[in-house]
Structures are given as C-alpha cells and as structure tokens.
C-alpha atoms as a PDB file:
ATOM      1  CA  MET A   1      68.161  88.067  69.209  1.00  0.00           C
ATOM      2  CA  LYS A   2      65.405  88.286  71.763  1.00  0.00           C
ATOM      3  CA  LEU A   3      65.590  90.931  74.451  1.00  0.00           C
ATOM      4  CA  SER A   4      65.959  88.340  77.229  1.00  0.00           C
ATOM      5  CA  GLN A   5      68.888  86.692  75.427  1.00  0.00           C
ATOM      6  CA  PHE A   6      70.502  90.104  74.920  1.00  0.00           C
ATOM      7  CA  ILE A   7      70.154  90.928  78.609  1.00  0.00           C
ATOM      8  CA  TYR A   8      71.442  87.478  79.616  1.00  0.00           C
ATOM      9  CA  THR A   9      74.482  87.795  77.314  1.00  0.00           C
ATOM     10  CA  ASN A  10      75.299  91.276  78.602  1.00  0.00           C
ATOM     11  CA  LEU A  11      74.936  90.071  82.182  1.00  0.00           C
ATOM     12  CA  ILE A  12      77.451  87.286  81.558  1.00  0.00           C
ATOM     13  CA  VAL A  13      79.920  89.692  79.892  1.00  0.00           C
ATOM     14  CA  ALA A  14      79.561  92.209  82.718  1.00  0.00           C
ATOM     15  CA  THR A  15      80.063  89.491  85.343  1.00  0.00           C
ATOM     16  CA  LEU A  16      83.195  88.211  83.602  1.00  0.00           C
ATOM     17  CA  PHE A  17      84.551  91.762  83.350  1.00  0.00           C
ATOM     18  CA  PHE A  18      83.880  92.331  87.050  1.00  0.00           C
ATOM     19  CA  PHE A  19      85.721  89.169  88.080  1.00  0.00           C
ATOM     20  CA  CYS A  20      88.644  89.869  85.748  1.00  0.00           C
ATOM     21  CA  ALA A  21      88.997  93.435  87.022  1.00  0.00           C
ATOM     22  CA  ASN A  22      88.872  92.323  90.655  1.00  0.00           C
ATOM     23  CA  SER A  23      91.283  89.440  90.136  1.00  0.00           C
ATOM     24  CA  ALA A  24      93.804  91.867  88.613  1.00  0.00           C
ATOM     25  CA  ALA A  25      93.736  93.890  91.831  1.00  0.00           C
ATOM     26  CA  VAL A  26      94.023  90.734  93.937  1.00  0.00           C
ATOM     27  CA  ASP A  27      96.941  89.426  91.849  1.00  0.00           C
ATOM     28  CA  GLN A  28      98.913  92.608  92.501  1.00  0.00           C
ATOM     29  CA  PRO A  29     100.963  92.247  95.710  1.00  0.00           C
ATOM     30  CA  VAL A  30      99.452  94.235  98.543  1.00  0.00           C
ATOM     31  CA  GLU A  31     102.705  96.126  99.135  1.00  0.00           C
ATOM     32  CA  GLU A  32     102.651  97.329  95.523  1.00  0.00           C
ATOM     33  CA  MET A  33      99.010  98.337  95.944  1.00  0.00           C
ATOM     34  CA  LEU A  34      99.937 100.299  99.084  1.00  0.00           C
ATOM     35  CA  LYS A  35     102.789 102.015  97.273  1.00  0.00           C
ATOM     36  CA  ASN A  36     100.435 103.094  94.471  1.00  0.00           C
ATOM     37  CA  ALA A  37      97.739 104.135  96.935  1.00  0.00           C
ATOM     38  CA  ARG A  38     100.211 106.329  98.829  1.00  0.00           C
ATOM     39  CA  LYS A  39     101.211 108.073  95.600  1.00  0.00           C
ATOM     40  CA  GLN A  40      97.573 108.621  94.697  1.00  0.00           C
ATOM     41  CA  PHE A  41      96.866 109.879  98.223  1.00  0.00           C
ATOM     42  CA  TYR A  42      99.440 112.645  97.897  1.00  0.00           C
ATOM     43  CA  ALA A  43      98.188 113.465  94.393  1.00  0.00           C
ATOM     44  CA  ALA A  44      94.649 113.759  95.803  1.00  0.00           C
ATOM     45  CA  ILE A  45      95.776 116.474  98.187  1.00  0.00           C
ATOM     46  CA  GLU A  46      96.133 118.794  95.199  1.00  0.00           C
ATOM     47  CA  ASP A  47      93.668 117.215  92.745  1.00  0.00           C
ATOM     48  CA  LYS A  48      90.131 116.587  93.996  1.00  0.00           C
ATOM     49  CA  ASN A  49      89.509 114.262  91.044  1.00  0.00           C
ATOM     50  CA  GLN A  50      91.942 111.793  92.620  1.00  0.00           C
ATOM     51  CA  ILE A  51      89.996 111.485  95.890  1.00  0.00           C
ATOM     52  CA  GLU A  52      87.353 108.920  94.865  1.00  0.00           C
ATOM     53  CA  PRO A  53      89.698 106.639  92.863  1.00  0.00           C
ATOM     54  CA  THR A  54      92.110 106.662  95.790  1.00  0.00           C
ATOM     55  CA  ILE A  55      89.352 105.764  98.259  1.00  0.00           C
ATOM     56  CA  LYS A  56      88.443 102.836  95.986  1.00  0.00           C
ATOM     57  CA  LEU A  57      92.057 101.698  95.913  1.00  0.00           C
ATOM     58  CA  PHE A  58      92.325 101.742  99.704  1.00  0.00           C
ATOM     59  CA  ASN A  59      89.056  99.777  99.913  1.00  0.00           C
ATOM     60  CA  GLN A  60      90.542  97.182  97.542  1.00  0.00           C
ATOM     61  CA  ILE A  61      93.596  96.886  99.782  1.00  0.00           C
ATOM     62  CA  THR A  62      91.314  96.187 102.744  1.00  0.00           C
ATOM     63  CA  GLN A  63      89.562  93.447 100.773  1.00  0.00           C
ATOM     64  CA  VAL A  64      92.868  91.856  99.775  1.00  0.00           C
ATOM     65  CA  GLU A  65      94.539  92.217 103.174  1.00  0.00           C
ATOM     66  CA  PRO A  66      92.071  92.732 106.062  1.00  0.00           C
ATOM     67  CA  GLU A  67      94.931  93.279 108.528  1.00  0.00           C
ATOM     68  CA  TYR A  68      95.405  96.713 106.919  1.00  0.00           C
ATOM     69  CA  ALA A  69      91.795  97.741 107.608  1.00  0.00           C
ATOM     70  CA  GLY A  70      92.690 100.291 110.305  1.00  0.00           C
ATOM     71  CA  ARG A  71      95.456 101.877 108.241  1.00  0.00           C
ATOM     72  CA  THR A  72      93.355 102.077 105.098  1.00  0.00           C
ATOM     73  CA  GLN A  73      90.444 103.513 107.066  1.00  0.00           C
ATOM     74  CA  VAL A  74      92.692 106.299 108.360  1.00  0.00           C
ATOM     75  CA  TYR A  75      93.717 107.105 104.787  1.00  0.00           C
ATOM     76  CA  ILE A  76      90.082 107.006 103.646  1.00  0.00           C
ATOM     77  CA  GLY A  77      89.078 109.334 106.486  1.00  0.00           C
ATOM     78  CA  ALA A  78      91.825 111.766 105.506  1.00  0.00           C
ATOM     79  CA  LEU A  79      90.593 111.665 101.910  1.00  0.00           C
ATOM     80  CA  VAL A  80      86.992 112.266 102.985  1.00  0.00           C
ATOM     81  CA  ALA A  81      88.160 115.231 105.084  1.00  0.00           C
ATOM     82  CA  LEU A  82      90.102 116.454 102.067  1.00  0.00           C
ATOM     83  CA  ASN A  83      86.789 116.996 100.285  1.00  0.00           C
ATOM     84  CA  GLY A  84      86.386 119.905 102.694  1.00  0.00           C
ATOM     85  CA  LYS A  85      89.453 121.598 101.238  1.00  0.00           C
ATOM     86  CA  HIS A  86      87.799 121.628  97.835  1.00  0.00           C
ATOM     87  CA  ALA A  87      84.290 122.575  99.017  1.00  0.00           C
ATOM     88  CA  PHE A  88      83.068 126.129  98.475  1.00  0.00           C
ATOM     89  CA  PHE A  89      80.745 126.804 101.423  1.00  0.00           C
ATOM     90  CA  PRO A  90      82.176 126.916 104.961  1.00  0.00           C
ATOM     91  CA  HIS A  91      79.455 124.662 106.394  1.00  0.00           C
ATOM     92  CA  THR A  92      80.179 122.079 103.661  1.00  0.00           C
ATOM     93  CA  LYS A  93      83.898 122.264 104.425  1.00  0.00           C
ATOM     94  CA  LEU A  94      83.151 121.673 108.098  1.00  0.00           C
ATOM     95  CA  LYS A  95      80.810 118.764 107.357  1.00  0.00           C
ATOM     96  CA  TRP A  96      83.406 116.946 105.218  1.00  0.00           C
ATOM     97  CA  ALA A  97      86.169 117.552 107.752  1.00  0.00           C
ATOM     98  CA  ARG A  98      84.113 116.225 110.660  1.00  0.00           C
ATOM     99  CA  ARG A  99      82.994 113.186 108.680  1.00  0.00           C
ATOM    100  CA  GLY A 100      86.582 112.426 107.682  1.00  0.00           C
ATOM    101  CA  LEU A 101      87.883 112.874 111.232  1.00  0.00           C
ATOM    102  CA  ALA A 102      85.312 110.408 112.562  1.00  0.00           C
ATOM    103  CA  ILE A 103      86.412 107.826 109.981  1.00  0.00           C
ATOM    104  CA  MET A 104      90.081 108.465 110.778  1.00  0.00           C
ATOM    105  CA  ASP A 105      89.517 108.162 114.535  1.00  0.00           C
ATOM    106  CA  SER A 106      87.712 104.869 114.040  1.00  0.00           C
ATOM    107  CA  GLY A 107      90.508 103.543 111.837  1.00  0.00           C
ATOM    108  CA  LEU A 108      93.161 104.520 114.367  1.00  0.00           C
ATOM    109  CA  LYS A 109      91.273 102.632 117.090  1.00  0.00           C
ATOM    110  CA  LYS A 110      91.596  99.503 114.928  1.00  0.00           C
ATOM    111  CA  SER A 111      95.354  99.994 114.469  1.00  0.00           C
ATOM    112  CA  PRO A 112      96.638 102.034 117.426  1.00  0.00           C
ATOM    113  CA  THR A 113     100.253 100.890 116.984  1.00  0.00           C
ATOM    114  CA  ASP A 114     100.487 101.233 113.206  1.00  0.00           C
ATOM    115  CA  ILE A 115     103.153 103.868 112.529  1.00  0.00           C
ATOM    116  CA  GLU A 116     101.728 104.717 109.117  1.00  0.00           C
ATOM    117  CA  ALA A 117      98.192 105.136 110.459  1.00  0.00           C
ATOM    118  CA  LEU A 118      99.492 107.276 113.316  1.00  0.00           C
ATOM    119  CA  PHE A 119     101.467 109.411 110.868  1.00  0.00           C
ATOM    120  CA  ILE A 120      98.565 110.034 108.477  1.00  0.00           C
ATOM    121  CA  HIS A 121      96.204 110.735 111.385  1.00  0.00           C
ATOM    122  CA  GLY A 122      98.766 112.987 113.065  1.00  0.00           C
ATOM    123  CA  THR A 123      99.722 114.984 109.991  1.00  0.00           C
ATOM    124  CA  THR A 124      96.084 115.463 109.029  1.00  0.00           C
ATOM    125  CA  CYS A 125      95.289 116.747 112.520  1.00  0.00           C
ATOM    126  CA  TYR A 126      98.431 118.908 112.439  1.00  0.00           C
ATOM    127  CA  HIS A 127      97.294 120.666 109.257  1.00  0.00           C
ATOM    128  CA  LEU A 128      93.720 121.321 110.394  1.00  0.00           C
ATOM    129  CA  PRO A 129      92.736 124.853 111.436  1.00  0.00           C
ATOM    130  CA  PHE A 130      93.053 125.518 115.173  1.00  0.00           C
ATOM    131  CA  PHE A 131      89.296 125.558 115.806  1.00  0.00           C
ATOM    132  CA  PHE A 132      89.125 121.788 115.239  1.00  0.00           C
ATOM    133  CA  ARG A 133      91.252 121.447 118.391  1.00  0.00           C
ATOM    134  CA  ARG A 134      93.242 118.523 116.999  1.00  0.00           C
ATOM    135  CA  GLY A 135      96.756 119.859 117.637  1.00  0.00           C
ATOM    136  CA  ASP A 136      97.107 117.792 120.829  1.00  0.00           C
ATOM    137  CA  ASP A 137      96.005 114.667 118.933  1.00  0.00           C
ATOM    138  CA  ALA A 138      98.717 115.311 116.374  1.00  0.00           C
ATOM    139  CA  GLN A 139     101.435 115.717 119.013  1.00  0.00           C
ATOM    140  CA  ARG A 140     100.237 112.595 120.869  1.00  0.00           C
ATOM    141  CA  ASN A 141     100.464 110.617 117.629  1.00  0.00           C
ATOM    142  CA  PHE A 142     103.957 111.961 116.923  1.00  0.00           C
ATOM    143  CA  ARG A 143     105.199 110.988 120.389  1.00  0.00           C
ATOM    144  CA  LYS A 144     103.661 107.536 120.049  1.00  0.00           C
ATOM    145  CA  ILE A 145     105.419 107.074 116.702  1.00  0.00           C
ATOM    146  CA  ILE A 146     108.760 107.899 118.335  1.00  0.00           C
ATOM    147  CA  LYS A 147     108.108 105.319 121.082  1.00  0.00           C
ATOM    148  CA  LEU A 148     107.125 102.639 118.552  1.00  0.00           C
ATOM    149  CA  MET A 149     109.920 103.256 116.063  1.00  0.00           C
ATOM    150  CA  PRO A 150     112.685 101.204 117.724  1.00  0.00           C
ATOM    151  CA  GLN A 151     110.712  97.958 117.585  1.00  0.00           C
ATOM    152  CA  LEU A 152     108.544  98.521 114.483  1.00  0.00           C
ATOM    153  CA  MET A 153     110.532 100.710 112.103  1.00  0.00           C
ATOM    154  CA  ASP A 154     111.968  97.821 110.057  1.00  0.00           C
ATOM    155  CA  ALA A 155     108.447  96.619 109.182  1.00  0.00           C
ATOM    156  CA  TYR A 156     107.785  99.720 107.064  1.00  0.00           C
ATOM    157  CA  ASP A 157     108.911 101.018 103.704  1.00  0.00           C
ATOM    158  CA  PRO A 158     112.191 102.942 104.265  1.00  0.00           C
ATOM    159  CA  LYS A 159     110.879 105.888 102.209  1.00  0.00           C
ATOM    160  CA  LEU A 160     107.886 106.149 104.526  1.00  0.00           C
ATOM    161  CA  ILE A 161     110.122 106.128 107.607  1.00  0.00           C
ATOM    162  CA  THR A 162     112.331 108.766 105.969  1.00  0.00           C
ATOM    163  CA  ASN A 163     109.298 111.005 105.472  1.00  0.00           C
ATOM    164  CA  VAL A 164     108.070 110.379 109.014  1.00  0.00           C
ATOM    165  CA  VAL A 165     111.447 111.196 110.568  1.00  0.00           C
ATOM    166  CA  GLN A 166     111.896 114.335 108.469  1.00  0.00           C
ATOM    167  CA  PHE A 167     108.373 115.600 109.194  1.00  0.00           C
ATOM    168  CA  LEU A 168     108.757 115.010 112.928  1.00  0.00           C
ATOM    169  CA  ILE A 169     112.121 116.772 113.081  1.00  0.00           C
ATOM    170  CA  GLU A 170     110.747 119.783 111.200  1.00  0.00           C
ATOM    171  CA  ASN A 171     107.230 120.073 112.654  1.00  0.00           C
ATOM    172  CA  ALA A 172     106.597 118.166 115.876  1.00  0.00           C
ATOM    173  CA  LYS A 173     106.978 119.709 119.295  1.00  0.00           C
ATOM    174  CA  LEU A 174     109.714 117.441 120.565  1.00  0.00           C
ATOM    175  CA  THR A 175     111.869 117.235 123.641  1.00  0.00           C
ATOM    176  CA  ASP A 176     115.623 117.500 123.125  1.00  0.00           C
ATOM    177  CA  GLU A 177     115.872 113.758 123.788  1.00  0.00           C
ATOM    178  CA  GLU A 178     113.290 112.980 121.061  1.00  0.00           C
ATOM    179  CA  LYS A 179     115.066 115.253 118.574  1.00  0.00           C
ATOM    180  CA  THR A 180     118.376 113.564 119.319  1.00  0.00           C
ATOM    181  CA  TYR A 181     116.835 110.128 118.881  1.00  0.00           C
ATOM    182  CA  LEU A 182     115.344 111.036 115.490  1.00  0.00           C
ATOM    183  CA  LYS A 183     118.635 112.518 114.313  1.00  0.00           C
ATOM    184  CA  VAL A 184     120.412 109.317 115.344  1.00  0.00           C
ATOM    185  CA  VAL A 185     117.817 107.264 113.447  1.00  0.00           C
ATOM    186  CA  ARG A 186     118.237 109.497 110.431  1.00  0.00           C
ATOM    187  CA  HIS A 187     122.013 109.085 110.382  1.00  0.00           C
ATOM    188  CA  GLN A 188     122.166 105.468 111.523  1.00  0.00           C
ATOM    189  CA  TYR A 189     119.834 104.279 108.779  1.00  0.00           C
ATOM    190  CA  GLY A 190     121.203 106.625 106.134  1.00  0.00           C
ATOM    191  CA  PHE A 191     117.957 108.570 105.821  1.00  0.00           C
ATOM    192  CA  LEU A 192     118.150 111.940 104.123  1.00  0.00           C
END
C-alpha cells in the first residue's frame, strides 16, 4: 500500500470515529448528560484528573443544547478555578482562580436567572478565601435563588433543589423570613 493510500485510509477511519463518537453524545438526552456532568463535577473537586474530562462534557452539552451555554460556562469556570486548588505555587493558584472567576462571571451574565448557575457561582464564591472578596457575590446569588425559587423550582431536578435548599439553610446569611420560606419549601416538597 502506498503511503498516500495509507494516509487516506487512516483519515477516513479517523473521521468516521469522530462522527460516531460525537453522535453518541448527541443521541444521549441532554438531561442525562447534565446529570452525568454534575456527578463528574463533584468528583473533580477531589480528583484533579476529572477536571479536563468534565470540562469537555460541559462543552458537549453546550453544543447539543445552546440554551445551557451560560450554565455550562459557570460550571467550566468553577472547574478552571479548581485547578488552583491543585496547583503548588501561590501565584499559580491565584492565576487559575482569577481565570475561572472571569469565566464564571461571564457565564452568569448569559444566564442571570438560572438557579443552577447561580448556585454553582454562589457556592464557588462562598468557598473562596476572603481575599478574593467574593462573599457578597455569594450572598447576592443565594438571595436571588430564593426569589426565583417559587416560579422556577419545578423546572429543575428535585435532587438539585434539595441540595440548594439544604446548603442555603446551613450556610447562607438569611433573614428569618428567608429561613422560614426555605423550611416550608423543604417540608412542602418532601425534601430531606
């Protein structure tokens, strides 16, 4: 076999593989992809080897369902910032965190009323060291989630809402009225 035929044959095989691999991702329902991506996201918090594959999965979700672009960008930004947790040098940690925060902020601007995006952005900001000065952003996101919940809550996975409600009750700086509302939501919908 001549070299040009070998290259041509390999190019065809590689192209077919690429299309088959991408069509498998497209054939999977986007909600199932999101469910898997969320699981991988939480695994990536502890395992840096999960960061890149999870970023790729969120990018695939954006390609399949562009309406999720803001939400997936927030997740991607959080994952990029997570690289800072695993970096050794302080300046490298800071660089990754700032890069991730910029991506997250941009994603949240695309989806400012997406409860999931607000939650990931808020919890990431909540867990950052104080010198990033993102505590107010976190609390703003948490309050916005509470305002959006009555009209949007049913559009989200119940497990996600359960986690959001529990986190807010345990960690957010809430008024007594907000705490009462979340406890009512928790009991009314059978959460926890």
